[in-house]
Protein backbone atom coordinates (compact mmCIF):
# COMPACT_ATOMS: atom_id res chain seq x y z
CA MET A 1 9.33 42.64 -73.63
CA ARG A 2 13.12 42.52 -73.70
CA HIS A 3 15.29 41.69 -76.66
CA LEU A 4 16.05 38.12 -75.57
CA THR A 5 12.39 37.15 -75.19
CA TRP A 6 11.52 38.96 -78.42
CA VAL A 7 13.70 36.71 -80.58
CA ALA A 8 12.03 33.63 -79.16
CA SER A 9 8.58 34.93 -80.09
CA LEU A 10 9.02 34.86 -83.88
CA THR A 11 8.08 31.18 -84.21
CA ALA A 12 4.98 31.76 -82.13
CA LEU A 13 4.05 34.69 -84.35
CA ALA A 14 4.33 32.60 -87.49
CA SER A 15 1.94 30.02 -86.09
CA LEU A 16 -0.39 32.75 -84.87
CA THR A 17 -0.88 34.38 -88.29
CA GLY A 18 -1.52 31.00 -89.84
CA SER A 19 -4.12 30.04 -87.26
CA SER A 20 -7.75 29.65 -88.31
CA ALA A 21 -9.02 30.39 -84.80
CA SER A 22 -8.54 34.17 -84.81
CA LEU A 23 -11.27 36.58 -85.82
CA THR A 24 -11.18 37.68 -89.48
CA SER A 25 -12.42 40.84 -91.16
CA ASP A 26 -12.51 42.25 -94.66
CA VAL A 27 -14.11 44.90 -96.83
CA ARG A 28 -16.61 43.76 -99.48
CA GLU A 29 -19.09 45.47 -101.73
CA HIS A 30 -22.65 45.49 -100.40
CA ASN A 31 -25.44 47.18 -102.35
CA GLY A 32 -22.84 48.99 -104.44
CA ALA A 33 -20.80 50.36 -101.53
CA PRO A 34 -17.86 49.10 -99.44
CA ALA A 35 -18.95 47.40 -96.22
CA LEU A 36 -17.33 45.75 -93.21
CA TYR A 37 -17.57 41.99 -92.77
CA VAL A 38 -16.43 40.21 -89.61
CA ASN A 39 -16.04 36.45 -89.70
CA GLY A 40 -17.80 36.54 -93.07
CA ARG A 41 -20.87 38.40 -91.81
CA LEU A 42 -22.00 41.94 -92.63
CA THR A 43 -21.25 44.05 -89.56
CA SER A 44 -22.08 47.51 -88.30
CA GLN A 45 -19.64 50.24 -89.31
CA VAL A 46 -20.57 52.47 -86.37
CA LEU A 47 -17.76 52.49 -83.81
CA ALA A 48 -17.56 54.16 -80.42
CA ALA A 49 -14.43 55.77 -79.03
CA PRO A 50 -14.09 55.78 -75.22
CA TYR A 51 -10.95 57.93 -74.87
CA ARG A 52 -11.16 59.17 -71.30
CA PRO A 53 -9.31 57.11 -68.67
CA GLY A 54 -11.30 54.43 -66.92
CA THR A 55 -14.31 52.46 -68.08
CA ALA A 56 -17.18 54.92 -67.55
CA ASP A 57 -17.42 55.93 -71.23
CA PHE A 58 -17.06 52.33 -72.34
CA THR A 59 -19.96 51.34 -70.08
CA ASP A 60 -22.11 54.19 -71.41
CA PHE A 61 -21.50 53.06 -74.98
CA LEU A 62 -22.30 49.45 -74.09
CA GLN A 63 -25.60 50.53 -72.59
CA ALA A 64 -26.33 52.49 -75.77
CA GLY A 65 -25.95 49.29 -77.78
CA GLN A 66 -22.42 49.76 -79.17
CA SER A 67 -20.26 46.67 -79.58
CA ILE A 68 -17.25 47.83 -81.65
CA PHE A 69 -14.76 50.29 -80.21
CA ASP A 70 -12.07 52.46 -81.76
CA ILE A 71 -9.34 52.86 -79.15
CA TYR A 72 -5.73 53.92 -78.79
CA LEU A 73 -3.43 51.14 -77.63
CA ARG A 74 -0.32 53.12 -76.81
CA PHE A 75 2.73 51.30 -75.53
CA ARG A 76 6.02 52.42 -74.11
CA TRP A 77 8.91 51.99 -76.54
CA THR A 78 11.79 52.39 -74.14
CA ALA A 79 14.88 51.42 -76.19
CA PRO A 80 15.65 50.17 -79.73
CA GLU A 81 14.09 46.74 -79.12
CA GLU A 82 12.50 47.09 -75.69
CA TYR A 83 8.76 47.59 -75.19
CA ASP A 84 6.34 47.77 -72.28
CA PHE A 85 2.85 46.47 -73.13
CA SER A 86 1.48 46.50 -69.57
CA GLY A 87 -0.65 49.58 -70.29
CA ILE A 88 -2.28 47.76 -73.21
CA ASP A 89 -3.13 44.78 -71.03
CA GLN A 90 -4.58 47.03 -68.35
CA ILE A 91 -6.95 48.72 -70.83
CA MET A 92 -8.01 45.57 -72.67
CA ASP A 93 -8.48 43.48 -69.54
CA ALA A 94 -10.67 46.16 -67.96
CA TYR A 95 -12.89 46.43 -71.04
CA LEU A 96 -13.17 42.69 -71.61
CA LYS A 97 -14.06 42.09 -67.98
CA LEU A 98 -17.14 44.24 -68.60
CA GLU A 99 -17.96 42.76 -72.01
CA PRO A 100 -15.98 39.69 -73.15
CA LYS A 101 -17.51 39.83 -76.64
CA ALA A 102 -16.64 43.46 -77.37
CA LEU A 103 -14.72 44.11 -80.58
CA PHE A 104 -11.92 46.65 -81.04
CA LEU A 105 -10.15 48.53 -83.81
CA PRO A 106 -6.93 49.65 -82.10
CA ARG A 107 -4.88 52.64 -83.21
CA ILE A 108 -1.14 52.02 -83.39
CA LEU A 109 1.30 54.86 -82.77
CA LEU A 110 4.96 54.01 -83.42
CA SER A 111 6.51 56.81 -81.38
CA PRO A 112 9.81 56.21 -79.60
CA GLY A 113 10.69 58.34 -76.59
CA ASN A 114 13.36 60.99 -76.07
CA TRP A 115 15.95 58.23 -76.14
CA TRP A 116 15.66 58.27 -79.94
CA CYS A 117 17.48 61.57 -80.40
CA LYS A 118 20.24 60.53 -78.01
CA GLU A 119 20.67 57.12 -79.61
CA PHE A 120 20.37 58.32 -83.23
CA PRO A 121 21.37 62.02 -83.35
CA LYS A 122 21.06 62.27 -87.15
CA ASP A 123 17.78 60.38 -87.54
CA PHE A 124 15.22 62.79 -86.10
CA THR A 125 13.17 65.22 -88.13
CA MET A 126 14.83 68.64 -88.28
CA ARG A 127 13.97 72.20 -89.21
CA ASP A 128 16.07 74.05 -91.76
CA ASP A 129 18.37 75.37 -89.02
CA GLY A 130 19.13 71.85 -87.76
CA THR A 131 16.98 72.08 -84.62
CA PRO A 132 14.51 69.29 -83.81
CA ALA A 133 11.14 69.81 -85.50
CA GLY A 134 8.08 69.58 -83.31
CA MET A 135 5.00 71.28 -81.96
CA PHE A 136 3.48 71.95 -78.59
CA GLY A 137 3.92 69.28 -75.96
CA GLN A 138 7.20 67.45 -75.95
CA GLN A 139 10.06 69.79 -75.01
CA PRO A 140 12.59 69.60 -76.43
CA PRO A 141 10.91 67.86 -79.37
CA CYS A 142 12.26 64.49 -80.48
CA TYR A 143 10.51 62.79 -83.38
CA PRO A 144 11.99 60.32 -85.87
CA SER A 145 12.55 61.20 -89.50
CA LEU A 146 10.35 59.05 -91.73
CA SER A 147 13.27 59.02 -94.17
CA SER A 148 15.50 57.26 -91.64
CA ALA A 149 16.31 53.67 -92.59
CA LYS A 150 17.12 53.01 -88.93
CA TYR A 151 13.71 54.24 -87.83
CA ARG A 152 11.91 52.13 -90.40
CA GLU A 153 13.92 49.06 -89.39
CA LEU A 154 13.23 49.51 -85.69
CA SER A 155 9.60 50.56 -86.13
CA HIS A 156 9.06 47.36 -88.11
CA LYS A 157 10.40 45.39 -85.15
CA ALA A 158 8.25 47.42 -82.77
CA VAL A 159 5.02 46.86 -84.69
CA THR A 160 5.87 43.16 -85.05
CA ALA A 161 6.20 42.83 -81.28
CA PHE A 162 3.01 44.84 -80.77
CA ILE A 163 0.92 42.76 -83.18
CA HIS A 164 2.23 39.52 -81.72
CA HIS A 165 1.37 40.63 -78.19
CA VAL A 166 -2.12 41.90 -79.03
CA GLU A 167 -3.09 39.06 -81.38
CA SER A 168 -1.83 36.34 -79.06
CA LYS A 169 -3.85 37.69 -76.11
CA TYR A 170 -6.83 39.46 -77.68
CA GLY A 171 -6.98 38.33 -81.32
CA GLU A 172 -10.58 37.12 -81.05
CA ASN A 173 -11.64 40.64 -80.10
CA ILE A 174 -9.59 42.58 -82.66
CA VAL A 175 -11.37 43.61 -85.87
CA GLY A 176 -8.36 45.30 -87.43
CA TYR A 177 -5.74 48.00 -86.93
CA GLN A 178 -5.33 51.67 -87.66
CA VAL A 179 -1.67 52.53 -88.29
CA GLY A 180 -0.52 55.95 -87.16
CA ASN A 181 2.34 58.38 -86.96
CA GLY A 182 2.81 62.11 -86.60
CA PHE A 183 0.59 64.29 -84.41
CA GLY A 184 -1.98 62.13 -82.62
CA GLY A 185 -1.25 59.25 -84.98
CA GLU A 186 -3.00 61.17 -87.77
CA TRP A 187 -0.01 61.40 -90.14
CA LEU A 188 0.08 65.18 -89.70
CA MET A 189 3.79 65.77 -89.60
CA PHE A 190 5.45 66.91 -86.44
CA ASN A 191 6.02 70.60 -87.31
CA SER A 192 2.92 71.13 -89.46
CA PHE A 193 0.26 71.62 -86.83
CA TRP A 194 -0.10 74.75 -84.74
CA GLU A 195 -2.35 74.97 -81.74
CA ILE A 196 -1.52 77.46 -79.00
CA ARG A 197 -2.47 76.34 -75.54
CA PRO A 198 -3.92 79.07 -73.26
CA GLY A 199 -1.04 81.31 -72.23
CA GLY A 200 1.35 79.65 -74.67
CA THR A 201 3.62 81.35 -77.18
CA PRO A 202 3.28 80.86 -80.95
CA PRO A 203 6.03 78.77 -82.54
CA THR A 204 8.98 80.64 -84.07
CA LYS A 205 9.18 78.06 -86.85
CA PHE A 206 6.10 76.34 -88.14
CA GLY A 207 5.65 73.87 -90.99
CA VAL A 208 9.40 73.57 -91.58
CA GLU A 209 10.68 70.01 -91.92
CA ASP A 210 12.38 67.62 -92.77
CA TYR A 211 16.00 68.70 -93.20
CA SER A 212 17.70 65.77 -91.50
CA PRO A 213 20.62 64.07 -93.30
CA ALA A 214 18.35 61.12 -94.08
CA ALA A 215 15.70 63.42 -95.56
CA ARG A 216 18.20 65.34 -97.67
CA ALA A 217 19.52 62.06 -99.07
CA GLY A 218 15.98 60.84 -99.70
CA PHE A 219 15.07 64.05 -101.54
CA ARG A 220 18.10 63.72 -103.81
CA ALA A 221 17.29 60.08 -104.57
CA TRP A 222 13.71 61.11 -105.43
CA LEU A 223 15.02 63.81 -107.79
CA GLN A 224 17.34 61.30 -109.48
CA GLU A 225 14.40 58.97 -110.08
CA LYS A 226 12.15 61.76 -111.37
CA TYR A 227 14.56 63.57 -113.68
CA ALA A 228 17.15 60.89 -114.58
CA THR A 229 19.51 63.46 -116.17
CA ILE A 230 21.21 66.55 -114.77
CA ASP A 231 20.07 68.59 -117.76
CA ALA A 232 16.44 67.79 -116.99
CA LEU A 233 16.91 68.74 -113.34
CA ARG A 234 18.64 72.01 -114.22
CA HIS A 235 15.94 72.94 -116.70
CA ALA A 236 13.13 72.21 -114.23
CA TRP A 237 14.80 74.13 -111.43
CA GLY A 238 16.02 77.02 -113.58
CA ASP A 239 19.47 76.45 -112.09
CA PRO A 240 22.40 75.81 -114.47
CA LYS A 241 24.71 74.64 -111.65
CA VAL A 242 22.62 72.22 -109.58
CA THR A 243 23.52 68.53 -109.56
CA PHE A 244 21.94 65.48 -107.99
CA GLU A 245 24.72 65.57 -105.39
CA THR A 246 24.24 69.26 -104.48
CA ALA A 247 20.45 69.62 -104.80
CA ALA A 248 19.17 71.04 -101.52
CA PRO A 249 15.65 71.41 -100.17
CA PRO A 250 14.23 74.96 -100.06
CA ASN A 251 14.62 76.72 -96.73
CA GLU A 252 11.81 78.25 -94.69
CA VAL A 253 11.70 81.53 -96.63
CA GLU A 254 11.89 79.83 -100.03
CA ARG A 255 9.09 77.39 -99.33
CA TYR A 256 6.83 80.27 -98.22
CA THR A 257 7.70 82.58 -101.15
CA SER A 258 5.53 81.85 -104.19
CA THR A 259 6.56 82.93 -107.69
CA HIS A 260 3.20 83.69 -109.32
CA GLY A 261 0.62 85.11 -106.94
CA ILE A 262 -0.20 82.30 -104.52
CA PHE A 263 1.32 79.70 -106.86
CA PHE A 264 4.77 78.34 -107.61
CA ASP A 265 5.32 78.85 -111.34
CA SER A 266 7.05 75.81 -112.84
CA GLY A 267 8.29 78.10 -115.61
CA VAL A 268 10.40 79.83 -112.97
CA SER A 269 11.41 76.79 -110.89
CA SER A 270 10.02 73.45 -109.77
CA ARG A 271 12.32 73.26 -106.77
CA VAL A 272 9.74 74.06 -104.07
CA PRO A 273 6.93 71.99 -105.67
CA ASP A 274 9.41 69.11 -106.01
CA PHE A 275 10.20 69.30 -102.31
CA PHE A 276 6.52 69.33 -101.33
CA SER A 277 5.83 66.40 -103.68
CA TRP A 278 8.72 64.41 -102.22
CA PHE A 279 7.73 65.25 -98.63
CA ASN A 280 4.11 64.17 -99.09
CA ASP A 281 5.17 61.07 -101.03
CA THR A 282 7.48 60.11 -98.16
CA VAL A 283 4.64 60.30 -95.63
CA ALA A 284 2.31 58.31 -97.90
CA ASP A 285 5.00 55.68 -98.52
CA ALA A 286 5.58 55.23 -94.78
CA LEU A 287 1.83 54.85 -94.16
CA ILE A 288 1.51 52.26 -96.93
CA GLU A 289 4.56 50.40 -95.63
CA ASN A 290 3.07 50.30 -92.12
CA ALA A 291 -0.19 48.95 -93.51
CA GLN A 292 1.69 46.28 -95.45
CA TRP A 293 3.56 45.21 -92.32
CA VAL A 294 0.34 44.80 -90.33
CA LYS A 295 -1.36 42.96 -93.19
CA GLU A 296 1.52 40.50 -93.35
CA LEU A 297 1.74 40.12 -89.56
CA THR A 298 -1.95 39.25 -89.32
CA GLY A 299 -1.82 36.80 -92.20
CA ARG A 300 -3.85 39.27 -94.29
CA ARG A 301 -6.88 38.29 -92.19
CA LYS A 302 -7.78 41.71 -90.74
CA ILE A 303 -8.57 45.15 -92.09
CA VAL A 304 -5.95 47.88 -91.86
CA GLY A 305 -6.33 51.61 -92.41
CA ALA A 306 -5.28 55.05 -91.26
CA PHE A 307 -6.24 58.66 -90.73
CA TYR A 308 -5.28 60.44 -93.94
CA GLY A 309 -6.20 62.85 -96.71
CA TYR A 310 -7.00 65.97 -94.67
CA LEU A 311 -7.16 68.28 -97.69
CA TRP A 312 -8.74 71.20 -95.84
CA CYS A 313 -7.62 70.79 -92.26
CA ASN A 314 -8.95 73.97 -90.66
CA PHE A 315 -6.72 74.32 -87.65
CA PRO A 316 -4.22 77.18 -88.08
CA ASN A 317 -2.00 75.35 -90.54
CA LEU A 318 -0.09 77.43 -93.06
CA SER A 319 -0.82 75.07 -95.93
CA VAL A 320 -1.72 71.43 -96.51
CA ASN A 321 1.60 71.22 -98.42
CA HIS A 322 3.37 70.99 -95.06
CA THR A 323 1.20 68.28 -93.51
CA GLY A 324 2.20 65.21 -95.53
CA HIS A 325 -1.42 64.51 -96.56
CA LEU A 326 -1.11 65.24 -100.28
CA GLY A 327 -0.22 61.63 -101.11
CA LEU A 328 -3.90 60.66 -100.99
CA ALA A 329 -4.06 59.25 -104.54
CA LYS A 330 -1.13 56.95 -103.78
CA VAL A 331 -2.70 55.79 -100.50
CA LEU A 332 -6.06 55.14 -102.16
CA ARG A 333 -4.36 52.91 -104.72
CA ALA A 334 -2.56 50.88 -102.03
CA PRO A 335 -4.01 47.34 -101.81
CA ASP A 336 -3.08 46.95 -98.13
CA VAL A 337 -5.10 49.99 -97.01
CA ASP A 338 -8.71 48.92 -96.40
CA PHE A 339 -10.11 52.09 -94.87
CA ILE A 340 -9.50 55.81 -94.50
CA ALA A 341 -10.62 57.85 -91.50
CA SER A 342 -10.79 61.57 -90.83
CA PRO A 343 -12.48 63.91 -88.39
CA TYR A 344 -15.05 66.37 -89.62
CA THR A 345 -14.00 70.03 -89.84
CA TYR A 346 -13.75 71.43 -86.35
CA ASP A 347 -15.08 74.93 -87.01
CA ASN A 348 -18.54 73.32 -86.90
CA LYS A 349 -18.00 71.54 -83.62
CA GLN A 350 -20.80 73.25 -81.71
CA ILE A 351 -24.04 71.39 -81.07
CA GLY A 352 -26.20 71.69 -84.17
CA GLY A 353 -23.28 72.53 -86.45
CA PRO A 354 -23.03 70.88 -89.87
CA ASN A 355 -20.80 67.89 -90.47
CA ASN A 356 -18.41 68.01 -93.41
CA SER A 357 -15.39 65.78 -93.90
CA GLN A 358 -11.78 66.91 -94.08
CA THR A 359 -11.12 64.39 -96.84
CA LEU A 360 -12.97 62.94 -99.90
CA PRO A 361 -15.32 60.15 -98.74
CA GLU A 362 -16.65 59.44 -102.22
CA ALA A 363 -13.12 59.03 -103.60
CA VAL A 364 -12.42 56.57 -100.79
CA ALA A 365 -15.54 54.57 -101.68
CA LEU A 366 -14.72 54.62 -105.40
CA HIS A 367 -11.45 52.86 -104.54
CA GLY A 368 -13.35 50.11 -102.70
CA LYS A 369 -12.31 51.26 -99.24
CA LEU A 370 -14.33 52.01 -96.12
CA TYR A 371 -14.54 55.57 -94.86
CA PHE A 372 -14.85 56.29 -91.13
CA ASN A 373 -16.08 59.78 -90.27
CA GLU A 374 -14.85 60.69 -86.79
CA VAL A 375 -17.45 62.86 -85.09
CA ASP A 376 -15.90 63.82 -81.78
CA THR A 377 -18.25 66.61 -80.84
CA GLU A 378 -19.83 67.15 -77.45
CA THR A 379 -23.45 66.14 -77.09
CA ASN A 380 -26.21 67.72 -75.02
CA LEU A 381 -25.01 65.49 -72.14
CA HIS A 382 -21.59 67.22 -72.00
CA GLN A 383 -20.84 68.98 -68.72
């Protein structure tokens, strides 16, 4: 979809979200617990996830009686306002040919390509030495800073084009949307997750972001809002010279060096805790903003949620402080977030292992939201 055709689609989108023909979904209380309703009817909350290429897994799930599918609908974002949705159509058309009444909960991932760092050289997430932050996979890494106003502007346009395309073609089969960013669309930030592939080398910097100009400015604005006066900032940081204009995020060594055992003692300085609070707030704010966009784009007629709240992610992460997932309370209070999802802890992934969540399912339910527990283990049929 090129820029010229994109402008012309806005009127069509407005009529689409106001249409009464499209499928609707919402979360209501049923027997004292949140439940999924589709077109006003209580609906199963068991979803299947056919992730391997092709339709073999989809067919297996259909034969097992599944009718709602949790799928990635990735699209190519090739330039600031240029998108390729042909891959989406290929997936959806293949599934619907097999079962026209199947329902889907697509995952959205607003990830631009390597063109982002070339086009906007100050708007990608950076380590403390100014290098691009990232993990295994994309080399060199190139991921947008969530503090970048340019990224948020263009990602809004991207998700608008995506929702228009999907709703206009497949709206009757779409239950809702799962907004995503970071690693795998799970809101784990780009430098916070360490997994060494066989034969790979460990990262030299890990869990160290975001030091981009946009992030530094965002951190200072957050401090201004929190402390209001320079005297309050100086007292909290134990620094008689710091100002709102000079306040800098802690570097890699500082953010790993606690001041009271494993803790950061606020009596010594709140600088590092402030940075972690700001960083996690920024991720939570972006998630909530994405959910709000999708709610508005669908006329508030479909559920929206996200992976979030991994409070004890058991991959080799240094600390949950670095992931961006500590804004859970803020996300749970957000009216435009209808559900939270998380995988179970992966150290129990063997057949017969126990299942325990990485987040707080009861807290999710107490806020009137659905919780989806992703169980992506192998079964006895795995070969």
